[in-house]
Amino acid sequence: MKILVLVRQVPDSTTTIKIRPDAKDIERTGVKMVVNPFDEFAIEQAVLLREKRPDVQSVTALIVGPATAAEALRTALAVGADDGMHLQDDAFTALDELQMAALIAAVVQGGGYDLILLGKQEIDLDSGQLGPALAEALDWPHVGATVKLEFAADGKSFVARRRIEGAEEVVQLALPAVVTADKGLCEMRYPSLPNLMKAKKKPVKVVKAADVPGLAEAVGRVGGTALHTFQPPPARPAGKLIAGEPDQAAKELVRLLREEAKAI
């Protein structure tokens, strides 16, 4: 079994985000970039399968992004992925998730992969389209927002469990398949310093647009969208301070909640 795990690099959720003056993107200078948290579950699951199952031949981590995205790829290698692919080209910068799925499918088609793991969504744009779109592009089955994986003894099929409203859904699939990871699937380990050093020596294949035959046709088939303007959410109105004695303030609070906020 060959496993491919997809990694995305996103702004840290604790970072203060500012819009660029031209409103075409966020200001990325000085912004801390991290591995997408949902992809962390996918990375750890891939490495756990490699550690527990003798039939897992390799785990490859793949990322699409500029040169700076190599840091997130090295994190996956330090956790335990065997090698990496970095799809790095200016032509990839403006791709939306459907186009990115077409790109990745064109790159990995025929690579002998049996299982592709990735997070259910990214925490920046939050669309969650990449996994299902990639499965469609490859014509593979897909199960999303998975919280538990159980493989058959022969390694040819698995049972996936996913949370749905008020219940848990159990899905049985045969390989090859695409699985997106939700919180609870597992927790990514902290890479040790020796493994961080070893990650620098693991092979990483850099893929350019010219290395992907038929890329323009594949991307063109899915159309695409463009983000024209970024804007921050509207500012919250200032809070209201209620003065007076506690009993009178409480009555005024109830009145405001009922008559102005219409909350009660």
Protein backbone atom coordinates (compact mmCIF):
# COMPACT_ATOMS: atom_id res chain seq x y z
CA MET A 1 0.00 0.00 0.00
CA LYS A 2 1.33 3.41 -0.99
CA ILE A 3 -0.08 6.39 0.89
CA LEU A 4 -0.12 10.00 -0.24
CA VAL A 5 -0.88 12.71 2.33
CA LEU A 6 -1.68 16.25 1.22
CA VAL A 7 -0.41 19.18 3.26
CA ARG A 8 -1.46 22.81 3.13
CA GLN A 9 0.26 25.79 4.74
CA VAL A 10 -2.07 28.34 6.35
CA PRO A 11 -1.74 31.38 8.62
CA ASP A 12 -1.59 30.53 12.31
CA SER A 13 -5.05 30.94 13.83
CA THR A 14 -3.56 33.17 16.57
CA THR A 15 -2.04 35.58 14.03
CA THR A 16 -3.57 39.01 13.54
CA ILE A 17 -4.71 39.17 9.93
CA LYS A 18 -4.56 42.41 7.95
CA ILE A 19 -5.78 43.11 4.42
CA ARG A 20 -3.27 44.37 1.87
CA PRO A 21 -3.79 47.97 0.67
CA ASP A 22 -4.81 46.70 -2.77
CA ALA A 23 -7.41 44.39 -1.14
CA LYS A 24 -6.24 41.50 -3.32
CA ASP A 25 -4.91 39.31 -0.49
CA ILE A 26 -4.00 39.34 3.16
CA GLU A 27 -0.72 40.91 4.25
CA ARG A 28 1.59 37.91 4.52
CA THR A 29 4.76 39.71 5.64
CA GLY A 30 5.48 38.71 9.22
CA VAL A 31 2.53 36.29 9.37
CA LYS A 32 3.36 32.98 11.01
CA MET A 33 2.51 30.10 8.68
CA VAL A 34 1.76 26.60 9.98
CA VAL A 35 0.55 23.22 8.77
CA ASN A 36 -3.22 23.24 8.36
CA PRO A 37 -4.50 21.67 11.62
CA PHE A 38 -6.86 19.25 9.86
CA ASP A 39 -3.95 18.06 7.70
CA GLU A 40 -2.05 17.23 10.90
CA PHE A 41 -4.59 14.48 11.62
CA ALA A 42 -4.06 13.10 8.10
CA ILE A 43 -0.25 13.15 8.46
CA GLU A 44 -0.32 11.30 11.76
CA GLN A 45 -2.82 8.72 10.46
CA ALA A 46 -0.62 8.01 7.46
CA VAL A 47 2.47 7.54 9.64
CA LEU A 48 0.56 5.34 12.12
CA LEU A 49 -0.55 3.08 9.29
CA ARG A 50 3.03 2.80 8.05
CA GLU A 51 4.24 1.94 11.56
CA LYS A 52 1.52 -0.63 12.29
CA ARG A 53 1.03 -2.34 8.93
CA PRO A 54 3.83 -4.21 7.14
CA ASP A 55 1.95 -3.88 3.85
CA VAL A 56 2.39 -0.09 3.80
CA GLN A 57 5.32 0.51 1.47
CA SER A 58 5.70 4.27 1.81
CA VAL A 59 4.14 7.57 2.85
CA THR A 60 4.64 10.54 0.53
CA ALA A 61 3.74 14.10 1.58
CA LEU A 62 2.67 16.54 -1.13
CA ILE A 63 2.27 20.31 -0.90
CA VAL A 64 1.34 22.99 -3.43
CA GLY A 65 2.80 26.40 -2.76
CA PRO A 66 5.73 28.79 -2.99
CA ALA A 67 9.24 28.10 -1.73
CA THR A 68 8.21 29.05 1.81
CA ALA A 69 5.74 26.12 1.85
CA ALA A 70 8.74 23.79 2.10
CA GLU A 71 8.70 24.40 5.86
CA ALA A 72 5.29 22.72 6.21
CA LEU A 73 6.46 19.87 4.00
CA ARG A 74 9.52 19.36 6.23
CA THR A 75 7.20 19.10 9.24
CA ALA A 76 5.40 16.18 7.59
CA LEU A 77 8.75 14.56 6.80
CA ALA A 78 9.91 15.05 10.39
CA VAL A 79 6.77 13.37 11.73
CA GLY A 80 7.49 10.30 9.60
CA ALA A 81 6.67 10.70 5.90
CA ASP A 82 9.31 8.99 3.76
CA ASP A 83 9.59 11.52 0.95
CA GLY A 84 7.91 14.61 -0.41
CA MET A 85 6.63 16.35 -3.53
CA HIS A 86 6.57 20.14 -3.75
CA LEU A 87 4.40 21.52 -6.55
CA GLN A 88 6.03 24.92 -6.86
CA ASP A 89 5.34 27.25 -9.77
CA ASP A 90 3.95 30.75 -10.23
CA ALA A 91 1.31 29.17 -12.48
CA PHE A 92 -0.14 27.36 -9.44
CA THR A 93 -0.58 30.50 -7.33
CA ALA A 94 -4.01 31.54 -8.60
CA LEU A 95 -5.55 28.05 -8.71
CA ASP A 96 -8.74 27.54 -6.74
CA GLU A 97 -9.44 24.22 -5.01
CA LEU A 98 -11.15 22.58 -7.98
CA GLN A 99 -8.24 23.51 -10.24
CA MET A 100 -5.76 22.40 -7.58
CA ALA A 101 -7.51 19.04 -7.43
CA ALA A 102 -7.11 18.72 -11.21
CA LEU A 103 -3.42 19.61 -10.86
CA ILE A 104 -2.76 17.08 -8.10
CA ALA A 105 -4.69 14.37 -9.95
CA ALA A 106 -2.58 14.98 -13.07
CA VAL A 107 0.61 14.72 -11.00
CA VAL A 108 -0.22 11.58 -8.99
CA GLN A 109 -2.20 9.69 -11.63
CA GLY A 110 -0.32 6.48 -12.33
CA GLY A 111 1.86 6.91 -9.25
CA GLY A 112 0.60 3.68 -7.73
CA TYR A 113 -1.01 5.29 -4.69
CA ASP A 114 -3.71 3.33 -2.90
CA LEU A 115 -4.81 5.84 -0.26
CA ILE A 116 -4.83 9.64 -0.24
CA LEU A 117 -5.30 11.38 3.10
CA LEU A 118 -5.87 15.09 3.74
CA GLY A 119 -7.69 17.38 6.12
CA LYS A 120 -11.40 17.92 5.62
CA GLN A 121 -10.86 21.67 5.10
CA GLU A 122 -8.30 24.45 5.47
CA ILE A 123 -8.72 26.96 8.28
CA ASP A 124 -8.09 29.98 6.04
CA LEU A 125 -10.59 29.78 3.15
CA ASP A 126 -12.58 26.98 4.82
CA SER A 127 -14.10 25.65 1.59
CA GLY A 128 -13.42 21.94 2.08
CA GLN A 129 -13.62 21.24 -1.65
CA LEU A 130 -10.18 19.75 -2.30
CA GLY A 131 -10.79 16.20 -1.04
CA PRO A 132 -14.09 15.54 -2.84
CA ALA A 133 -12.84 17.29 -6.00
CA LEU A 134 -9.67 15.21 -6.03
CA ALA A 135 -11.66 12.00 -5.64
CA GLU A 136 -13.85 13.09 -8.57
CA ALA A 137 -10.81 13.92 -10.70
CA LEU A 138 -9.27 10.51 -9.99
CA ASP A 139 -12.63 8.70 -10.20
CA TRP A 140 -12.01 7.21 -6.75
CA PRO A 141 -14.48 6.74 -3.89
CA HIS A 142 -14.27 9.29 -1.08
CA VAL A 143 -15.32 9.55 2.55
CA GLY A 144 -15.13 12.89 4.33
CA ALA A 145 -14.68 14.17 7.88
CA THR A 146 -13.42 10.80 9.12
CA VAL A 147 -12.80 10.28 12.83
CA LYS A 148 -11.72 6.61 12.76
CA LEU A 149 -10.20 4.23 10.21
CA GLU A 150 -10.15 0.43 10.52
CA PHE A 151 -8.39 -1.53 7.78
CA ALA A 152 -9.20 -5.09 6.81
CA ALA A 153 -6.49 -7.68 7.39
CA ASP A 154 -5.74 -7.95 3.68
CA GLY A 155 -5.30 -4.17 3.39
CA LYS A 156 -7.67 -3.92 0.43
CA SER A 157 -10.61 -2.25 2.16
CA PHE A 158 -11.40 -0.26 5.29
CA VAL A 159 -14.22 0.97 7.46
CA ALA A 160 -14.42 4.70 8.10
CA ARG A 161 -16.45 6.31 10.85
CA ARG A 162 -17.62 9.89 10.61
CA ARG A 163 -19.76 12.10 12.83
CA ILE A 164 -23.06 13.30 11.48
CA GLU A 165 -25.76 15.23 13.29
CA GLY A 166 -27.00 13.11 16.18
CA ALA A 167 -25.27 9.92 15.07
CA GLU A 168 -22.15 8.26 13.68
CA GLU A 169 -22.03 7.09 10.06
CA VAL A 170 -20.09 3.94 9.19
CA VAL A 171 -18.81 3.63 5.62
CA GLN A 172 -17.01 0.65 4.07
CA LEU A 173 -14.79 1.34 1.04
CA ALA A 174 -12.34 -0.55 -1.11
CA LEU A 175 -9.00 0.92 -2.12
CA PRO A 176 -7.97 3.08 -3.85
CA ALA A 177 -9.80 5.86 -2.03
CA VAL A 178 -9.57 9.45 -0.80
CA VAL A 179 -10.17 10.10 2.91
CA THR A 180 -10.43 13.50 4.57
CA ALA A 181 -9.62 13.74 8.27
CA ASP A 182 -11.63 15.43 11.00
CA LYS A 183 -10.61 16.34 14.54
CA GLY A 184 -10.49 13.19 16.66
CA LEU A 185 -8.97 10.88 14.06
CA CYS A 186 -5.64 11.14 15.92
CA GLU A 187 -3.29 13.78 17.27
CA MET A 188 -0.07 14.61 15.42
CA ARG A 189 3.04 13.94 17.47
CA TYR A 190 5.66 16.62 18.03
CA PRO A 191 8.62 15.91 15.75
CA SER A 192 11.82 15.41 17.73
CA LEU A 193 14.96 17.43 17.02
CA PRO A 194 16.79 14.39 15.51
CA ASN A 195 13.81 13.76 13.21
CA LEU A 196 13.74 17.42 12.20
CA MET A 197 17.38 17.07 11.20
CA LYS A 198 16.71 13.82 9.33
CA ALA A 199 13.84 15.48 7.46
CA LYS A 200 16.33 17.80 5.74
CA LYS A 201 17.95 14.78 4.10
CA LYS A 202 14.77 13.09 2.90
CA PRO A 203 14.15 13.33 -0.86
CA VAL A 204 11.77 16.04 -2.07
CA LYS A 205 10.75 16.17 -5.72
CA VAL A 206 10.01 19.69 -6.99
CA VAL A 207 7.35 19.72 -9.71
CA LYS A 208 6.94 22.66 -12.11
CA ALA A 209 4.06 23.36 -14.48
CA ALA A 210 6.16 22.17 -17.42
CA ASP A 211 6.53 18.77 -15.71
CA VAL A 212 2.76 18.14 -15.80
CA PRO A 213 1.62 17.10 -19.30
CA GLY A 214 -1.91 18.14 -20.16
CA LEU A 215 -2.12 20.51 -17.20
CA ALA A 216 -3.83 23.36 -19.05
CA GLU A 217 -6.50 21.03 -20.40
CA ALA A 218 -7.09 19.38 -17.00
CA VAL A 219 -7.40 22.72 -15.20
CA GLY A 220 -9.52 24.20 -17.97
CA ARG A 221 -12.10 21.43 -17.73
CA VAL A 222 -13.09 22.43 -14.19
CA GLY A 223 -13.45 26.15 -14.89
CA GLY A 224 -12.45 28.13 -11.82
CA THR A 225 -13.08 31.08 -9.57
CA ALA A 226 -11.01 34.12 -8.61
CA LEU A 227 -10.91 36.07 -5.36
CA HIS A 228 -11.25 39.71 -6.41
CA THR A 229 -11.46 41.57 -3.12
CA PHE A 230 -10.65 40.84 0.51
CA GLN A 231 -12.25 42.86 3.27
CA PRO A 232 -12.32 42.51 7.04
CA PRO A 233 -15.58 41.75 8.84
CA PRO A 234 -17.56 44.81 9.96
CA ALA A 235 -16.43 46.29 13.24
CA ARG A 236 -18.45 45.30 16.25
CA PRO A 237 -20.46 48.10 17.85
CA ALA A 238 -19.16 49.34 21.15
CA GLY A 239 -20.47 47.65 24.26
CA LYS A 240 -23.02 49.41 26.47
CA LEU A 241 -22.22 50.05 30.11
CA ILE A 242 -25.22 50.03 32.45
CA ALA A 243 -24.71 52.24 35.48
CA GLY A 244 -26.61 52.27 38.77
CA GLU A 245 -27.31 49.94 41.63
CA PRO A 246 -27.19 46.18 40.87
CA ASP A 247 -30.95 45.62 41.12
CA GLN A 248 -31.77 48.59 38.90
CA ALA A 249 -28.98 47.69 36.46
CA ALA A 250 -30.36 44.14 36.22
CA LYS A 251 -33.83 45.46 35.38
CA GLU A 252 -32.39 47.78 32.74
CA LEU A 253 -30.39 44.89 31.27
CA VAL A 254 -33.52 42.77 30.97
CA ARG A 255 -35.37 45.68 29.32
CA LEU A 256 -32.58 46.21 26.79
CA LEU A 257 -32.39 42.51 25.97
CA ARG A 258 -36.16 42.38 25.45
CA GLU A 259 -36.85 45.68 23.70
CA GLU A 260 -33.63 46.50 21.83
CA ALA A 261 -31.69 43.29 21.29
CA LYS A 262 -34.90 41.19 20.97
CA ALA A 263 -32.93 38.37 22.59
CA ILE A 264 -35.57 37.39 25.17
